[in-house]
Amino acid sequence: MIKYLMVASLLLAGCTPEEQSISSPAPDLPDNPTTAVPLSLYTFDCGSIDVSDLDAFSSTGDYAGQTDSLTNTCYLIRHPQGDLLWDLGLPHGLAGAGPQTEGIFTMTLERTLIEQLADIGLSPKDIEFISISHSHFDHSGQAALFPESQWLVNKDEFNYMFSTDANKAQNAAFAELSKSIHSGNHDVFGDGSVMMLALPGHTPGHSALQVNLVESGPILLTGDLYHRSESRELKRVPRFNTDEAQTRESMEAFEALARDSGARVIIQHEPVDVATLPKSPAFLQ
């Protein structure tokens, strides 16, 4: 059973590009982490995905023949110590190309992350850190646009991304990046305000993100722990997850954290959830 995800009770393993084996205990969270530091959270449109048959999204078979439209989102977290881009969307080569179909997916991308960052006066050189919830194509597609950013990555996901020739080819854009590899949960800025939460099962090193905003309170970005509101309600596990049992343990840990922290949960592919967030250049604090 995955241990309960209250971040103050877990050990983090931090590293630098040169020293990837140094580990240290997590700092204690402040009594009220929502007032620890000023933060801003921007939401970017990183594409849309129409699914012609949802059967792959439930191991029970109850989604067979259903269709749905999923949104695809990326997030910029601005912190006094640096900017973190969470998830990198569909491949930037799709931008402006119109709908592209591969298998059950029809994908559309209107604008790249570079264009959306420019709307708020930023360029890729301004982004100190990038990280992905996991390495599937719709979350990692624009890594090549951020060659100077440091990549924060879960050790298990890093190993998975380069475990086979096919995976290496798919993730070639990440290979040359400066990287910081961690195990388990990771306190991005060392103050408990932005936490990468290890929730494996969708992929071996899948993570969610907790952002403790001063005015809006804690936000939990799910990655692909869930794809739809119904998936969360019914605890449906996609057939393409790497480990179903591990996914269910992660769901239990996530829900305990969400309940006890009172966090607002945003399912990153769920249009209903994403519609509640301000569109960039507006933001949450």
C-alpha atoms as a PDB file:
ATOM      1  CA  MET A   1       0.000   0.000   0.000  1.00  0.00           C
ATOM      2  CA  ILE A   2       1.366   3.405  -0.937  1.00  0.00           C
ATOM      3  CA  LYS A   3       2.005   5.423   2.197  1.00  0.00           C
ATOM      4  CA  TYR A   4      -0.327   8.286   2.959  1.00  0.00           C
ATOM      5  CA  LEU A   5       0.727  11.347   0.991  1.00  0.00           C
ATOM      6  CA  MET A   6       0.929  14.032   3.660  1.00  0.00           C
ATOM      7  CA  VAL A   7       4.072  15.611   2.381  1.00  0.00           C
ATOM      8  CA  ALA A   8       5.582  16.532   5.749  1.00  0.00           C
ATOM      9  CA  SER A   9       5.893  12.874   6.695  1.00  0.00           C
ATOM     10  CA  LEU A  10       7.747  11.627   3.629  1.00  0.00           C
ATOM     11  CA  LEU A  11      11.430  11.620   2.693  1.00  0.00           C
ATOM     12  CA  LEU A  12      12.484  13.281  -0.514  1.00  0.00           C
ATOM     13  CA  ALA A  13      15.497  12.389  -2.619  1.00  0.00           C
ATOM     14  CA  GLY A  14      16.973  15.455  -4.322  1.00  0.00           C
ATOM     15  CA  CYS A  15      19.779  15.674  -6.838  1.00  0.00           C
ATOM     16  CA  THR A  16      21.679  17.932  -9.153  1.00  0.00           C
ATOM     17  CA  PRO A  17      22.733  17.103 -12.703  1.00  0.00           C
ATOM     18  CA  GLU A  18      26.184  16.254 -11.334  1.00  0.00           C
ATOM     19  CA  GLU A  19      25.145  14.424  -8.158  1.00  0.00           C
ATOM     20  CA  GLN A  20      22.031  12.321  -8.521  1.00  0.00           C
ATOM     21  CA  SER A  21      22.418  10.208  -5.389  1.00  0.00           C
ATOM     22  CA  ILE A  22      22.294  12.861  -2.647  1.00  0.00           C
ATOM     23  CA  SER A  23      19.208  12.499  -0.468  1.00  0.00           C
ATOM     24  CA  SER A  24      17.836  14.631   2.341  1.00  0.00           C
ATOM     25  CA  PRO A  25      14.720  14.673   4.534  1.00  0.00           C
ATOM     26  CA  ALA A  26      11.788  16.798   3.498  1.00  0.00           C
ATOM     27  CA  PRO A  27      11.457  20.104   5.334  1.00  0.00           C
ATOM     28  CA  ASP A  28       8.501  20.420   7.671  1.00  0.00           C
ATOM     29  CA  LEU A  29       5.559  22.158   6.079  1.00  0.00           C
ATOM     30  CA  PRO A  30       4.530  25.458   7.645  1.00  0.00           C
ATOM     31  CA  ASP A  31       1.431  25.336   9.852  1.00  0.00           C
ATOM     32  CA  ASN A  32      -0.487  27.115   7.079  1.00  0.00           C
ATOM     33  CA  PRO A  33       1.223  26.359   3.762  1.00  0.00           C
ATOM     34  CA  THR A  34      -1.271  28.479   1.810  1.00  0.00           C
ATOM     35  CA  THR A  35       0.352  31.615   3.288  1.00  0.00           C
ATOM     36  CA  ALA A  36       3.963  30.470   3.014  1.00  0.00           C
ATOM     37  CA  VAL A  37       4.887  32.339  -0.189  1.00  0.00           C
ATOM     38  CA  PRO A  38       3.246  34.391  -2.926  1.00  0.00           C
ATOM     39  CA  LEU A  39       2.523  32.225  -5.951  1.00  0.00           C
ATOM     40  CA  SER A  40       0.779  32.563  -9.299  1.00  0.00           C
ATOM     41  CA  LEU A  41      -0.752  29.772 -11.399  1.00  0.00           C
ATOM     42  CA  TYR A  42      -1.376  30.222 -15.137  1.00  0.00           C
ATOM     43  CA  THR A  43      -3.332  27.762 -17.295  1.00  0.00           C
ATOM     44  CA  PHE A  44      -2.321  27.246 -20.934  1.00  0.00           C
ATOM     45  CA  ASP A  45      -4.272  25.544 -23.713  1.00  0.00           C
ATOM     46  CA  CYS A  46      -2.031  22.708 -24.884  1.00  0.00           C
ATOM     47  CA  GLY A  47      -4.473  21.157 -27.332  1.00  0.00           C
ATOM     48  CA  SER A  48      -7.607  19.071 -27.530  1.00  0.00           C
ATOM     49  CA  ILE A  49      -8.073  15.333 -28.060  1.00  0.00           C
ATOM     50  CA  ASP A  50     -11.222  13.726 -29.441  1.00  0.00           C
ATOM     51  CA  VAL A  51     -11.453  10.034 -28.542  1.00  0.00           C
ATOM     52  CA  SER A  52     -13.486   7.889 -30.949  1.00  0.00           C
ATOM     53  CA  ASP A  53     -13.720   4.878 -28.609  1.00  0.00           C
ATOM     54  CA  LEU A  54     -13.161   5.191 -24.858  1.00  0.00           C
ATOM     55  CA  ASP A  55     -12.773   1.445 -24.336  1.00  0.00           C
ATOM     56  CA  ALA A  56      -9.049   1.872 -23.652  1.00  0.00           C
ATOM     57  CA  PHE A  57      -9.856   4.176 -20.728  1.00  0.00           C
ATOM     58  CA  SER A  58     -11.532   1.558 -18.530  1.00  0.00           C
ATOM     59  CA  SER A  59     -10.297  -1.939 -17.731  1.00  0.00           C
ATOM     60  CA  THR A  60     -13.862  -2.999 -16.841  1.00  0.00           C
ATOM     61  CA  GLY A  61     -15.106  -2.664 -20.431  1.00  0.00           C
ATOM     62  CA  ASP A  62     -17.928  -0.280 -19.564  1.00  0.00           C
ATOM     63  CA  TYR A  63     -16.647   2.556 -21.793  1.00  0.00           C
ATOM     64  CA  ALA A  64     -16.640   0.537 -25.017  1.00  0.00           C
ATOM     65  CA  GLY A  65     -18.169   2.447 -27.924  1.00  0.00           C
ATOM     66  CA  GLN A  66     -18.390   5.741 -26.059  1.00  0.00           C
ATOM     67  CA  THR A  67     -16.742   8.911 -27.340  1.00  0.00           C
ATOM     68  CA  ASP A  68     -15.489  12.023 -25.594  1.00  0.00           C
ATOM     69  CA  SER A  69     -13.523  15.224 -26.091  1.00  0.00           C
ATOM     70  CA  LEU A  70     -10.644  15.837 -23.715  1.00  0.00           C
ATOM     71  CA  THR A  71      -8.891  19.108 -23.128  1.00  0.00           C
ATOM     72  CA  ASN A  72      -5.110  19.164 -22.818  1.00  0.00           C
ATOM     73  CA  THR A  73      -3.592  21.667 -20.409  1.00  0.00           C
ATOM     74  CA  CYS A  74      -0.206  22.927 -19.247  1.00  0.00           C
ATOM     75  CA  TYR A  75       0.484  25.138 -16.243  1.00  0.00           C
ATOM     76  CA  LEU A  76       2.981  27.831 -15.322  1.00  0.00           C
ATOM     77  CA  ILE A  77       3.752  28.236 -11.629  1.00  0.00           C
ATOM     78  CA  ARG A  78       5.512  31.527 -10.889  1.00  0.00           C
ATOM     79  CA  HIS A  79       7.479  31.559  -7.614  1.00  0.00           C
ATOM     80  CA  PRO A  80      10.019  34.064  -6.245  1.00  0.00           C
ATOM     81  CA  GLN A  81      12.739  31.437  -6.755  1.00  0.00           C
ATOM     82  CA  GLY A  82      11.859  30.651 -10.353  1.00  0.00           C
ATOM     83  CA  ASP A  83       9.236  29.605 -12.874  1.00  0.00           C
ATOM     84  CA  LEU A  84       8.051  26.008 -13.267  1.00  0.00           C
ATOM     85  CA  LEU A  85       6.239  24.783 -16.377  1.00  0.00           C
ATOM     86  CA  TRP A  86       4.132  21.727 -15.525  1.00  0.00           C
ATOM     87  CA  ASP A  87       3.371  19.443 -18.483  1.00  0.00           C
ATOM     88  CA  LEU A  88       4.358  20.238 -22.062  1.00  0.00           C
ATOM     89  CA  GLY A  89       1.298  19.388 -24.128  1.00  0.00           C
ATOM     90  CA  LEU A  90       0.888  17.954 -27.588  1.00  0.00           C
ATOM     91  CA  PRO A  91       3.851  18.082 -30.020  1.00  0.00           C
ATOM     92  CA  HIS A  92       4.493  21.660 -31.130  1.00  0.00           C
ATOM     93  CA  GLY A  93       4.623  20.527 -34.765  1.00  0.00           C
ATOM     94  CA  LEU A  94       0.837  20.120 -34.649  1.00  0.00           C
ATOM     95  CA  ALA A  95       0.300  23.844 -34.059  1.00  0.00           C
ATOM     96  CA  GLY A  96      -1.915  25.307 -36.757  1.00  0.00           C
ATOM     97  CA  ALA A  97      -1.956  22.077 -38.779  1.00  0.00           C
ATOM     98  CA  GLY A  98      -5.611  21.316 -38.128  1.00  0.00           C
ATOM     99  CA  PRO A  99      -6.980  18.048 -36.733  1.00  0.00           C
ATOM    100  CA  GLN A 100      -4.607  15.083 -36.957  1.00  0.00           C
ATOM    101  CA  THR A 101      -5.880  11.535 -36.377  1.00  0.00           C
ATOM    102  CA  GLU A 102      -3.871   8.599 -35.094  1.00  0.00           C
ATOM    103  CA  GLY A 103      -5.774   5.517 -33.978  1.00  0.00           C
ATOM    104  CA  ILE A 104      -8.599   6.506 -31.631  1.00  0.00           C
ATOM    105  CA  PHE A 105      -7.215  10.013 -31.117  1.00  0.00           C
ATOM    106  CA  THR A 106      -7.905  13.137 -33.166  1.00  0.00           C
ATOM    107  CA  MET A 107      -5.592  15.890 -31.928  1.00  0.00           C
ATOM    108  CA  THR A 108      -5.681  19.647 -32.438  1.00  0.00           C
ATOM    109  CA  LEU A 109      -3.182  22.252 -31.247  1.00  0.00           C
ATOM    110  CA  GLU A 110      -3.810  25.924 -31.959  1.00  0.00           C
ATOM    111  CA  ARG A 111      -0.759  27.599 -30.403  1.00  0.00           C
ATOM    112  CA  THR A 112       2.571  26.543 -28.930  1.00  0.00           C
ATOM    113  CA  LEU A 113       3.725  27.207 -25.398  1.00  0.00           C
ATOM    114  CA  ILE A 114       6.206  29.760 -26.764  1.00  0.00           C
ATOM    115  CA  GLU A 115       3.352  31.803 -28.217  1.00  0.00           C
ATOM    116  CA  GLN A 116       1.334  31.621 -25.004  1.00  0.00           C
ATOM    117  CA  LEU A 117       4.312  32.553 -22.840  1.00  0.00           C
ATOM    118  CA  ALA A 118       4.872  35.577 -25.085  1.00  0.00           C
ATOM    119  CA  ASP A 119       1.360  36.764 -24.197  1.00  0.00           C
ATOM    120  CA  ILE A 120       2.595  37.343 -20.638  1.00  0.00           C
ATOM    121  CA  GLY A 121       5.978  38.719 -21.622  1.00  0.00           C
ATOM    122  CA  LEU A 122       8.025  35.541 -21.178  1.00  0.00           C
ATOM    123  CA  SER A 123      10.203  33.392 -23.415  1.00  0.00           C
ATOM    124  CA  PRO A 124      11.595  29.853 -22.942  1.00  0.00           C
ATOM    125  CA  LYS A 125      14.805  31.374 -21.531  1.00  0.00           C
ATOM    126  CA  ASP A 126      12.759  32.741 -18.611  1.00  0.00           C
ATOM    127  CA  ILE A 127      11.589  29.274 -17.532  1.00  0.00           C
ATOM    128  CA  GLU A 128      13.980  27.882 -14.934  1.00  0.00           C
ATOM    129  CA  PHE A 129      12.249  24.507 -14.506  1.00  0.00           C
ATOM    130  CA  ILE A 130      10.114  22.143 -16.545  1.00  0.00           C
ATOM    131  CA  SER A 131       8.455  18.950 -15.364  1.00  0.00           C
ATOM    132  CA  ILE A 132       5.921  16.482 -16.724  1.00  0.00           C
ATOM    133  CA  SER A 133       3.360  14.440 -14.846  1.00  0.00           C
ATOM    134  CA  HIS A 134       4.421  11.531 -17.064  1.00  0.00           C
ATOM    135  CA  SER A 135       5.963  10.852 -20.436  1.00  0.00           C
ATOM    136  CA  HIS A 136       2.949  10.170 -22.693  1.00  0.00           C
ATOM    137  CA  PHE A 137       2.939  12.160 -25.952  1.00  0.00           C
ATOM    138  CA  ASP A 138       0.226  14.606 -24.909  1.00  0.00           C
ATOM    139  CA  HIS A 139       2.174  15.726 -21.822  1.00  0.00           C
ATOM    140  CA  SER A 140       5.705  15.838 -23.209  1.00  0.00           C
ATOM    141  CA  GLY A 141       5.361  17.130 -26.764  1.00  0.00           C
ATOM    142  CA  GLN A 142       7.108  20.517 -26.516  1.00  0.00           C
ATOM    143  CA  ALA A 143      10.234  19.668 -24.513  1.00  0.00           C
ATOM    144  CA  ALA A 144      12.486  20.679 -27.404  1.00  0.00           C
ATOM    145  CA  LEU A 145      11.330  24.289 -26.994  1.00  0.00           C
ATOM    146  CA  PHE A 146      13.006  24.568 -23.569  1.00  0.00           C
ATOM    147  CA  PRO A 147      16.650  23.541 -24.043  1.00  0.00           C
ATOM    148  CA  GLU A 148      17.935  25.835 -21.271  1.00  0.00           C
ATOM    149  CA  SER A 149      15.440  24.827 -18.572  1.00  0.00           C
ATOM    150  CA  GLN A 150      16.242  22.298 -15.856  1.00  0.00           C
ATOM    151  CA  TRP A 151      14.098  19.177 -16.060  1.00  0.00           C
ATOM    152  CA  LEU A 152      12.736  17.945 -12.720  1.00  0.00           C
ATOM    153  CA  VAL A 153      11.943  14.251 -13.060  1.00  0.00           C
ATOM    154  CA  ASN A 154      10.913  11.310 -10.912  1.00  0.00           C
ATOM    155  CA  LYS A 155      13.596   8.596 -10.948  1.00  0.00           C
ATOM    156  CA  ASP A 156      11.164   5.825 -11.896  1.00  0.00           C
ATOM    157  CA  GLU A 157       9.768   7.882 -14.773  1.00  0.00           C
ATOM    158  CA  PHE A 158      13.270   8.767 -15.961  1.00  0.00           C
ATOM    159  CA  ASN A 159      14.252   5.088 -16.034  1.00  0.00           C
ATOM    160  CA  TYR A 160      11.016   4.202 -17.849  1.00  0.00           C
ATOM    161  CA  MET A 161      11.525   6.913 -20.474  1.00  0.00           C
ATOM    162  CA  PHE A 162      14.901   5.472 -21.500  1.00  0.00           C
ATOM    163  CA  SER A 163      14.262   1.779 -20.844  1.00  0.00           C
ATOM    164  CA  THR A 164      13.782   0.682 -24.479  1.00  0.00           C
ATOM    165  CA  ASP A 165      14.913   1.874 -27.884  1.00  0.00           C
ATOM    166  CA  ALA A 166      11.347   2.955 -28.678  1.00  0.00           C
ATOM    167  CA  ASN A 167      11.095   4.956 -25.465  1.00  0.00           C
ATOM    168  CA  LYS A 168      14.502   6.520 -26.063  1.00  0.00           C
ATOM    169  CA  ALA A 169      13.446   7.633 -29.522  1.00  0.00           C
ATOM    170  CA  GLN A 170      10.183   9.083 -28.267  1.00  0.00           C
ATOM    171  CA  ASN A 171      11.947  11.010 -25.487  1.00  0.00           C
ATOM    172  CA  ALA A 172      15.033  12.123 -27.398  1.00  0.00           C
ATOM    173  CA  ALA A 173      14.278  15.800 -26.716  1.00  0.00           C
ATOM    174  CA  PHE A 174      14.709  15.182 -22.989  1.00  0.00           C
ATOM    175  CA  ALA A 175      18.050  13.409 -23.283  1.00  0.00           C
ATOM    176  CA  GLU A 176      20.116  16.584 -23.672  1.00  0.00           C
ATOM    177  CA  LEU A 177      18.394  18.594 -20.944  1.00  0.00           C
ATOM    178  CA  SER A 178      19.980  19.521 -17.656  1.00  0.00           C
ATOM    179  CA  LYS A 179      18.130  17.377 -15.158  1.00  0.00           C
ATOM    180  CA  SER A 180      17.442  16.936 -11.462  1.00  0.00           C
ATOM    181  CA  ILE A 181      16.297  13.421 -10.607  1.00  0.00           C
ATOM    182  CA  HIS A 182      14.360  12.725  -7.416  1.00  0.00           C
ATOM    183  CA  SER A 183      12.660   9.782  -5.746  1.00  0.00           C
ATOM    184  CA  GLY A 184       9.193   9.899  -4.225  1.00  0.00           C
ATOM    185  CA  ASN A 185       7.681  13.300  -3.526  1.00  0.00           C
ATOM    186  CA  HIS A 186       9.655  16.425  -4.390  1.00  0.00           C
ATOM    187  CA  ASP A 187       9.468  19.866  -2.763  1.00  0.00           C
ATOM    188  CA  VAL A 188      10.281  22.047  -5.777  1.00  0.00           C
ATOM    189  CA  PHE A 189      11.286  25.240  -3.964  1.00  0.00           C
ATOM    190  CA  GLY A 190      12.041  23.815  -0.511  1.00  0.00           C
ATOM    191  CA  ASP A 191       9.220  25.643   1.256  1.00  0.00           C
ATOM    192  CA  GLY A 192       6.245  23.301   0.828  1.00  0.00           C
ATOM    193  CA  SER A 193       4.479  25.620  -1.602  1.00  0.00           C
ATOM    194  CA  VAL A 194       4.840  23.459  -4.739  1.00  0.00           C
ATOM    195  CA  MET A 195       4.983  19.687  -4.308  1.00  0.00           C
ATOM    196  CA  MET A 196       5.412  17.009  -6.943  1.00  0.00           C
ATOM    197  CA  LEU A 197       3.531  13.989  -5.589  1.00  0.00           C
ATOM    198  CA  ALA A 198       4.574  10.488  -6.629  1.00  0.00           C
ATOM    199  CA  LEU A 199       1.422   8.634  -7.726  1.00  0.00           C
ATOM    200  CA  PRO A 200       2.622   5.702  -9.848  1.00  0.00           C
ATOM    201  CA  GLY A 201       0.551   3.290 -11.868  1.00  0.00           C
ATOM    202  CA  HIS A 202      -0.446   5.215 -14.974  1.00  0.00           C
ATOM    203  CA  THR A 203       3.275   5.080 -15.693  1.00  0.00           C
ATOM    204  CA  PRO A 204       5.979   3.926 -13.268  1.00  0.00           C
ATOM    205  CA  GLY A 205       6.879   7.461 -12.170  1.00  0.00           C
ATOM    206  CA  HIS A 206       3.598   9.282 -12.716  1.00  0.00           C
ATOM    207  CA  SER A 207       3.196  12.386 -10.533  1.00  0.00           C
ATOM    208  CA  ALA A 208       0.571  14.957  -9.605  1.00  0.00           C
ATOM    209  CA  LEU A 209       1.248  18.536  -8.512  1.00  0.00           C
ATOM    210  CA  GLN A 210       0.075  20.393  -5.412  1.00  0.00           C
ATOM    211  CA  VAL A 211       0.258  24.195  -5.464  1.00  0.00           C
ATOM    212  CA  ASN A 212      -0.571  26.002  -2.203  1.00  0.00           C
ATOM    213  CA  LEU A 213      -1.849  29.390  -3.369  1.00  0.00           C
ATOM    214  CA  VAL A 214      -2.210  32.282  -0.924  1.00  0.00           C
ATOM    215  CA  GLU A 215      -5.656  33.490  -1.991  1.00  0.00           C
ATOM    216  CA  SER A 216      -7.141  30.483  -3.777  1.00  0.00           C
ATOM    217  CA  GLY A 217      -5.884  27.807  -1.393  1.00  0.00           C
ATOM    218  CA  PRO A 218      -4.369  24.445  -2.348  1.00  0.00           C
ATOM    219  CA  ILE A 219      -4.795  23.194  -5.906  1.00  0.00           C
ATOM    220  CA  LEU A 220      -4.188  19.573  -6.942  1.00  0.00           C
ATOM    221  CA  LEU A 221      -3.386  18.981 -10.616  1.00  0.00           C
ATOM    222  CA  THR A 222      -4.023  15.300 -11.276  1.00  0.00           C
ATOM    223  CA  GLY A 223      -1.778  14.567 -14.238  1.00  0.00           C
ATOM    224  CA  ASP A 224      -3.431  11.454 -15.688  1.00  0.00           C
ATOM    225  CA  LEU A 225      -4.383   9.783 -12.428  1.00  0.00           C
ATOM    226  CA  TYR A 226      -7.861  10.524 -13.804  1.00  0.00           C
ATOM    227  CA  HIS A 227      -8.852  11.556 -17.321  1.00  0.00           C
ATOM    228  CA  ARG A 228     -12.535  12.356 -16.672  1.00  0.00           C
ATOM    229  CA  SER A 229     -14.798  13.239 -13.739  1.00  0.00           C
ATOM    230  CA  GLU A 230     -16.576   9.915 -14.239  1.00  0.00           C
ATOM    231  CA  SER A 231     -13.243   8.080 -14.055  1.00  0.00           C
ATOM    232  CA  ARG A 232     -12.646   9.623 -10.649  1.00  0.00           C
ATOM    233  CA  GLU A 233     -16.146   8.884  -9.385  1.00  0.00           C
ATOM    234  CA  LEU A 234     -16.076   5.259 -10.562  1.00  0.00           C
ATOM    235  CA  LYS A 235     -12.327   4.700 -10.043  1.00  0.00           C
ATOM    236  CA  ARG A 236     -11.856   3.561 -13.621  1.00  0.00           C
ATOM    237  CA  VAL A 237      -8.332   2.555 -14.677  1.00  0.00           C
ATOM    238  CA  PRO A 238      -7.234   2.762 -18.332  1.00  0.00           C
ATOM    239  CA  ARG A 239      -6.167  -0.471 -19.982  1.00  0.00           C
ATOM    240  CA  PHE A 240      -2.880   1.173 -21.010  1.00  0.00           C
ATOM    241  CA  ASN A 241      -1.727   1.941 -17.445  1.00  0.00           C
ATOM    242  CA  THR A 242       1.487   0.170 -16.506  1.00  0.00           C
ATOM    243  CA  ASP A 243       0.104  -1.177 -13.197  1.00  0.00           C
ATOM    244  CA  GLU A 244      -3.606  -1.250 -12.291  1.00  0.00           C
ATOM    245  CA  ALA A 245      -3.156  -2.252  -8.645  1.00  0.00           C
ATOM    246  CA  GLN A 246      -0.588   0.491  -8.150  1.00  0.00           C
ATOM    247  CA  THR A 247      -2.953   2.981  -9.805  1.00  0.00           C
ATOM    248  CA  ARG A 248      -5.714   2.106  -7.345  1.00  0.00           C
ATOM    249  CA  GLU A 249      -3.348   2.595  -4.414  1.00  0.00           C
ATOM    250  CA  SER A 250      -2.388   5.984  -5.823  1.00  0.00           C
ATOM    251  CA  MET A 251      -6.057   6.913  -6.155  1.00  0.00           C
ATOM    252  CA  GLU A 252      -6.648   6.092  -2.487  1.00  0.00           C
ATOM    253  CA  ALA A 253      -3.634   8.130  -1.392  1.00  0.00           C
ATOM    254  CA  PHE A 254      -4.638  11.059  -3.601  1.00  0.00           C
ATOM    255  CA  GLU A 255      -8.208  11.125  -2.333  1.00  0.00           C
ATOM    256  CA  ALA A 256      -7.008  11.043   1.280  1.00  0.00           C
ATOM    257  CA  LEU A 257      -4.772  14.026   0.624  1.00  0.00           C
ATOM    258  CA  ALA A 258      -7.478  15.912  -1.258  1.00  0.00           C
ATOM    259  CA  ARG A 259      -9.984  15.300   1.535  1.00  0.00           C
ATOM    260  CA  ASP A 260      -7.695  16.183   4.424  1.00  0.00           C
ATOM    261  CA  SER A 261      -6.125  19.231   2.778  1.00  0.00           C
ATOM    262  CA  GLY A 262      -9.388  20.573   1.363  1.00  0.00           C
ATOM    263  CA  ALA A 263      -7.608  21.050  -1.967  1.00  0.00           C
ATOM    264  CA  ARG A 264      -9.403  21.965  -5.163  1.00  0.00           C
ATOM    265  CA  VAL A 265      -8.901  19.093  -7.616  1.00  0.00           C
ATOM    266  CA  ILE A 266      -8.346  19.863 -11.300  1.00  0.00           C
ATOM    267  CA  ILE A 267      -8.504  16.883 -13.660  1.00  0.00           C
ATOM    268  CA  GLN A 268      -6.212  18.152 -16.385  1.00  0.00           C
ATOM    269  CA  HIS A 269      -8.111  16.520 -19.278  1.00  0.00           C
ATOM    270  CA  GLU A 270     -11.604  17.379 -17.966  1.00  0.00           C
ATOM    271  CA  PRO A 271     -13.121  20.408 -19.766  1.00  0.00           C
ATOM    272  CA  VAL A 272     -15.532  21.061 -16.894  1.00  0.00           C
ATOM    273  CA  ASP A 273     -12.672  21.392 -14.395  1.00  0.00           C
ATOM    274  CA  VAL A 274     -10.436  23.413 -16.686  1.00  0.00           C
ATOM    275  CA  ALA A 275     -13.270  25.840 -17.449  1.00  0.00           C
ATOM    276  CA  THR A 276     -13.278  26.894 -13.775  1.00  0.00           C
ATOM    277  CA  LEU A 277      -9.715  28.216 -14.100  1.00  0.00           C
ATOM    278  CA  PRO A 278      -8.915  31.680 -15.495  1.00  0.00           C
ATOM    279  CA  LYS A 279      -7.458  31.610 -18.984  1.00  0.00           C
ATOM    280  CA  SER A 280      -4.002  33.106 -19.434  1.00  0.00           C
ATOM    281  CA  PRO A 281      -3.087  35.953 -19.254  1.00  0.00           C
ATOM    282  CA  ALA A 282      -5.342  35.877 -16.212  1.00  0.00           C
ATOM    283  CA  PHE A 283      -4.120  33.703 -13.314  1.00  0.00           C
ATOM    284  CA  LEU A 284      -4.782  32.444  -9.808  1.00  0.00           C
ATOM    285  CA  GLN A 285      -2.896  33.580  -6.708  1.00  0.00           C
END
